[in-house]
Amino acid sequence: MLDRLNYVAKLNMVLIISTIILSFYTVSWHHQNYLLHHKYNAVQVENQQMMALHKQLLTEHSKQISGKEIQESALEELQMKIPQLKERKFL
């Protein structure tokens, strides 16, 4: 009878220690997930800012290219000349 109580006490101690260790690992895991979530959000915001800047630069670049293409086609196909500024004489 005493051996059985001793065995049950040892088993309970092992289960209690296992539960405590598992609890610590769970808390640590949740904290790591919390930190990872905040880091993910910061990286996502930075990525969105970079994508917005990239789109803005692409838009500006396409406007410049389309303006150059129009100017080049006007010079080549329509044989237009670049306007010369005339100096005005004031009286």
N, C-alpha and C. Protein backbone atom coordinates (compact mmCIF):
# COMPACT_ATOMS: atom_id res chain seq x y z
N MET A 1 0.83 -1.19 0.00
CA MET A 1 0.00 0.00 0.00
C MET A 1 0.87 1.25 0.00
N LEU A 2 1.95 1.21 0.81
CA LEU A 2 2.85 2.35 0.89
C LEU A 2 3.61 2.53 -0.42
N ASP A 3 3.94 1.40 -1.07
CA ASP A 3 4.61 1.48 -2.37
C ASP A 3 3.71 2.13 -3.42
N ARG A 4 2.43 1.81 -3.35
CA ARG A 4 1.48 2.39 -4.32
C ARG A 4 1.33 3.89 -4.11
N LEU A 5 1.25 4.34 -2.86
CA LEU A 5 1.16 5.77 -2.56
C LEU A 5 2.43 6.50 -2.98
N ASN A 6 3.56 5.87 -2.75
CA ASN A 6 4.83 6.44 -3.15
C ASN A 6 4.89 6.58 -4.68
N TYR A 7 4.42 5.55 -5.41
CA TYR A 7 4.38 5.58 -6.86
C TYR A 7 3.45 6.67 -7.37
N VAL A 8 2.27 6.80 -6.77
CA VAL A 8 1.30 7.83 -7.15
C VAL A 8 1.85 9.22 -6.87
N ALA A 9 2.55 9.40 -5.75
CA ALA A 9 3.15 10.70 -5.42
C ALA A 9 4.22 11.07 -6.44
N LYS A 10 5.06 10.11 -6.81
CA LYS A 10 6.10 10.37 -7.82
C LYS A 10 5.47 10.70 -9.17
N LEU A 11 4.43 9.95 -9.53
CA LEU A 11 3.75 10.21 -10.80
C LEU A 11 3.11 11.60 -10.79
N ASN A 12 2.48 11.97 -9.68
CA ASN A 12 1.88 13.31 -9.58
C ASN A 12 2.94 14.40 -9.68
N MET A 13 4.10 14.19 -9.06
CA MET A 13 5.18 15.18 -9.13
C MET A 13 5.68 15.33 -10.57
N VAL A 14 5.83 14.21 -11.27
CA VAL A 14 6.27 14.26 -12.67
C VAL A 14 5.23 14.99 -13.51
N LEU A 15 3.96 14.71 -13.28
CA LEU A 15 2.91 15.39 -14.05
C LEU A 15 2.86 16.88 -13.73
N ILE A 16 3.03 17.25 -12.48
CA ILE A 16 3.02 18.67 -12.10
C ILE A 16 4.20 19.40 -12.73
N ILE A 17 5.40 18.80 -12.64
CA ILE A 17 6.59 19.43 -13.23
C ILE A 17 6.44 19.53 -14.75
N SER A 18 5.91 18.49 -15.38
CA SER A 18 5.68 18.52 -16.83
C SER A 18 4.69 19.62 -17.20
N THR A 19 3.65 19.77 -16.42
CA THR A 19 2.66 20.82 -16.68
C THR A 19 3.28 22.21 -16.54
N ILE A 20 4.10 22.39 -15.53
CA ILE A 20 4.75 23.70 -15.32
C ILE A 20 5.70 24.01 -16.47
N ILE A 21 6.51 23.03 -16.88
CA ILE A 21 7.44 23.24 -17.99
C ILE A 21 6.67 23.54 -19.27
N LEU A 22 5.62 22.79 -19.52
CA LEU A 22 4.80 23.03 -20.70
C LEU A 22 4.16 24.42 -20.67
N SER A 23 3.75 24.87 -19.50
CA SER A 23 3.18 26.21 -19.36
C SER A 23 4.21 27.28 -19.71
N PHE A 24 5.45 27.09 -19.22
CA PHE A 24 6.50 28.06 -19.56
C PHE A 24 6.76 28.09 -21.05
N TYR A 25 6.82 26.92 -21.69
CA TYR A 25 7.02 26.88 -23.13
C TYR A 25 5.86 27.53 -23.87
N THR A 26 4.65 27.34 -23.39
CA THR A 26 3.48 27.95 -24.02
C THR A 26 3.54 29.48 -23.92
N VAL A 27 3.89 29.98 -22.75
CA VAL A 27 4.00 31.44 -22.57
C VAL A 27 5.10 31.99 -23.47
N SER A 28 6.23 31.28 -23.53
CA SER A 28 7.33 31.72 -24.39
C SER A 28 6.91 31.71 -25.85
N TRP A 29 6.20 30.67 -26.27
CA TRP A 29 5.75 30.57 -27.66
C TRP A 29 4.78 31.69 -28.01
N HIS A 30 3.85 31.99 -27.10
CA HIS A 30 2.90 33.08 -27.34
C HIS A 30 3.62 34.42 -27.43
N HIS A 31 4.62 34.62 -26.58
CA HIS A 31 5.37 35.88 -26.62
C HIS A 31 6.14 36.00 -27.94
N GLN A 32 6.73 34.92 -28.40
CA GLN A 32 7.43 34.96 -29.69
C GLN A 32 6.46 35.24 -30.83
N ASN A 33 5.27 34.66 -30.78
CA ASN A 33 4.26 34.95 -31.81
C ASN A 33 3.83 36.41 -31.76
N TYR A 34 3.71 36.95 -30.56
CA TYR A 34 3.35 38.36 -30.39
C TYR A 34 4.41 39.27 -31.02
N LEU A 35 5.69 38.99 -30.73
CA LEU A 35 6.78 39.78 -31.30
C LEU A 35 6.83 39.63 -32.82
N LEU A 36 6.64 38.40 -33.29
CA LEU A 36 6.64 38.15 -34.73
C LEU A 36 5.51 38.89 -35.43
N HIS A 37 4.35 38.94 -34.79
CA HIS A 37 3.20 39.66 -35.37
C HIS A 37 3.50 41.15 -35.50
N HIS A 38 4.11 41.74 -34.46
CA HIS A 38 4.45 43.16 -34.54
C HIS A 38 5.53 43.42 -35.60
N LYS A 39 6.49 42.55 -35.69
CA LYS A 39 7.53 42.70 -36.71
C LYS A 39 6.93 42.56 -38.10
N TYR A 40 6.00 41.61 -38.26
CA TYR A 40 5.33 41.40 -39.54
C TYR A 40 4.55 42.66 -39.94
N ASN A 41 3.83 43.26 -39.00
CA ASN A 41 3.07 44.47 -39.30
C ASN A 41 3.99 45.61 -39.70
N ALA A 42 5.13 45.76 -39.01
CA ALA A 42 6.07 46.83 -39.35
C ALA A 42 6.64 46.62 -40.75
N VAL A 43 6.99 45.39 -41.08
CA VAL A 43 7.53 45.09 -42.40
C VAL A 43 6.47 45.30 -43.47
N GLN A 44 5.24 44.94 -43.16
CA GLN A 44 4.15 45.11 -44.12
C GLN A 44 3.90 46.59 -44.41
N VAL A 45 3.93 47.43 -43.38
CA VAL A 45 3.74 48.87 -43.58
C VAL A 45 4.90 49.42 -44.42
N GLU A 46 6.12 49.01 -44.12
CA GLU A 46 7.28 49.46 -44.90
C GLU A 46 7.17 49.00 -46.35
N ASN A 47 6.71 47.79 -46.55
CA ASN A 47 6.54 47.26 -47.91
C ASN A 47 5.47 48.05 -48.67
N GLN A 48 4.38 48.39 -48.01
CA GLN A 48 3.33 49.19 -48.66
C GLN A 48 3.85 50.57 -49.04
N GLN A 49 4.67 51.17 -48.17
CA GLN A 49 5.24 52.48 -48.48
C GLN A 49 6.17 52.37 -49.69
N MET A 50 6.98 51.33 -49.73
CA MET A 50 7.88 51.15 -50.87
C MET A 50 7.11 50.90 -52.15
N MET A 51 6.03 50.13 -52.07
CA MET A 51 5.22 49.87 -53.27
C MET A 51 4.54 51.15 -53.76
N ALA A 52 4.08 51.98 -52.84
CA ALA A 52 3.46 53.25 -53.23
C ALA A 52 4.47 54.16 -53.91
N LEU A 53 5.68 54.22 -53.35
CA LEU A 53 6.74 55.03 -53.96
C LEU A 53 7.11 54.47 -55.32
N HIS A 54 7.18 53.15 -55.43
CA HIS A 54 7.51 52.52 -56.70
C HIS A 54 6.45 52.85 -57.76
N LYS A 55 5.17 52.77 -57.38
CA LYS A 55 4.10 53.10 -58.33
C LYS A 55 4.17 54.56 -58.74
N GLN A 56 4.47 55.44 -57.79
CA GLN A 56 4.58 56.86 -58.12
C GLN A 56 5.72 57.10 -59.09
N LEU A 57 6.86 56.46 -58.85
CA LEU A 57 7.99 56.62 -59.75
C LEU A 57 7.69 56.05 -61.13
N LEU A 58 6.99 54.91 -61.19
CA LEU A 58 6.62 54.34 -62.48
C LEU A 58 5.67 55.27 -63.24
N THR A 59 4.74 55.88 -62.53
CA THR A 59 3.81 56.81 -63.16
C THR A 59 4.56 58.02 -63.73
N GLU A 60 5.45 58.58 -62.94
CA GLU A 60 6.22 59.73 -63.41
C GLU A 60 7.10 59.35 -64.59
N HIS A 61 7.70 58.17 -64.53
CA HIS A 61 8.56 57.70 -65.61
C HIS A 61 7.75 57.50 -66.89
N SER A 62 6.56 56.90 -66.76
CA SER A 62 5.74 56.68 -67.95
C SER A 62 5.26 58.00 -68.55
N LYS A 63 5.00 59.01 -67.70
CA LYS A 63 4.63 60.32 -68.22
C LYS A 63 5.79 60.93 -68.99
N GLN A 64 7.00 60.80 -68.47
CA GLN A 64 8.17 61.34 -69.15
C GLN A 64 8.41 60.62 -70.47
N ILE A 65 8.28 59.30 -70.46
CA ILE A 65 8.50 58.54 -71.68
C ILE A 65 7.44 58.87 -72.72
N SER A 66 6.18 58.96 -72.31
CA SER A 66 5.13 59.25 -73.28
C SER A 66 5.31 60.64 -73.86
N GLY A 67 5.78 61.60 -73.06
CA GLY A 67 6.06 62.93 -73.57
C GLY A 67 7.21 62.93 -74.55
N LYS A 68 8.24 62.15 -74.27
CA LYS A 68 9.37 62.05 -75.19
C LYS A 68 8.95 61.38 -76.49
N GLU A 69 8.13 60.34 -76.39
CA GLU A 69 7.68 59.64 -77.60
C GLU A 69 6.84 60.57 -78.47
N ILE A 70 5.99 61.36 -77.87
CA ILE A 70 5.18 62.31 -78.64
C ILE A 70 6.09 63.33 -79.32
N GLN A 71 7.06 63.83 -78.60
CA GLN A 71 7.97 64.82 -79.16
C GLN A 71 8.79 64.20 -80.31
N GLU A 72 9.30 62.99 -80.11
CA GLU A 72 10.10 62.34 -81.15
C GLU A 72 9.26 62.04 -82.39
N SER A 73 8.03 61.57 -82.19
CA SER A 73 7.18 61.29 -83.35
C SER A 73 6.81 62.57 -84.08
N ALA A 74 6.62 63.65 -83.34
CA ALA A 74 6.32 64.93 -84.00
C ALA A 74 7.52 65.41 -84.80
N LEU A 75 8.71 65.25 -84.27
CA LEU A 75 9.91 65.69 -84.99
C LEU A 75 10.17 64.82 -86.21
N GLU A 76 10.00 63.49 -86.08
CA GLU A 76 10.34 62.59 -87.18
C GLU A 76 9.21 62.47 -88.22
N GLU A 77 8.03 62.10 -87.78
CA GLU A 77 6.95 61.81 -88.71
C GLU A 77 6.32 63.07 -89.28
N LEU A 78 6.09 64.04 -88.45
CA LEU A 78 5.43 65.26 -88.92
C LEU A 78 6.43 66.32 -89.36
N GLN A 79 7.70 66.05 -89.17
CA GLN A 79 8.79 66.95 -89.54
C GLN A 79 8.61 68.34 -88.96
N MET A 80 8.21 68.34 -87.72
CA MET A 80 8.06 69.61 -87.02
C MET A 80 9.43 70.03 -86.49
N LYS A 81 9.57 71.29 -86.24
CA LYS A 81 10.83 71.80 -85.73
C LYS A 81 10.63 72.28 -84.30
N ILE A 82 11.71 72.23 -83.54
CA ILE A 82 11.66 72.71 -82.16
C ILE A 82 11.54 74.23 -82.22
N PRO A 83 10.60 74.80 -81.51
CA PRO A 83 10.42 76.26 -81.58
C PRO A 83 11.63 77.00 -81.02
N GLN A 84 11.96 78.07 -81.69
CA GLN A 84 13.06 78.93 -81.26
C GLN A 84 12.47 80.14 -80.56
N LEU A 85 13.06 80.53 -79.47
CA LEU A 85 12.60 81.72 -78.77
C LEU A 85 13.15 82.95 -79.46
N LYS A 86 12.27 83.88 -79.71
CA LYS A 86 12.70 85.13 -80.34
C LYS A 86 12.91 86.16 -79.24
N GLU A 87 13.94 86.93 -79.44
CA GLU A 87 14.19 87.99 -78.47
C GLU A 87 13.31 89.17 -78.80
N ARG A 88 12.72 89.73 -77.79
CA ARG A 88 11.85 90.89 -78.00
C ARG A 88 12.65 92.14 -77.75
N LYS A 89 12.38 93.10 -78.57
CA LYS A 89 13.01 94.39 -78.36
C LYS A 89 11.99 95.32 -77.75
N PHE A 90 12.39 95.89 -76.66
CA PHE A 90 11.47 96.79 -75.98
C PHE A 90 11.75 98.23 -76.46
N LEU A 91 10.68 98.97 -76.60
CA LEU A 91 10.80 100.36 -77.05
C LEU A 91 11.19 101.27 -75.95
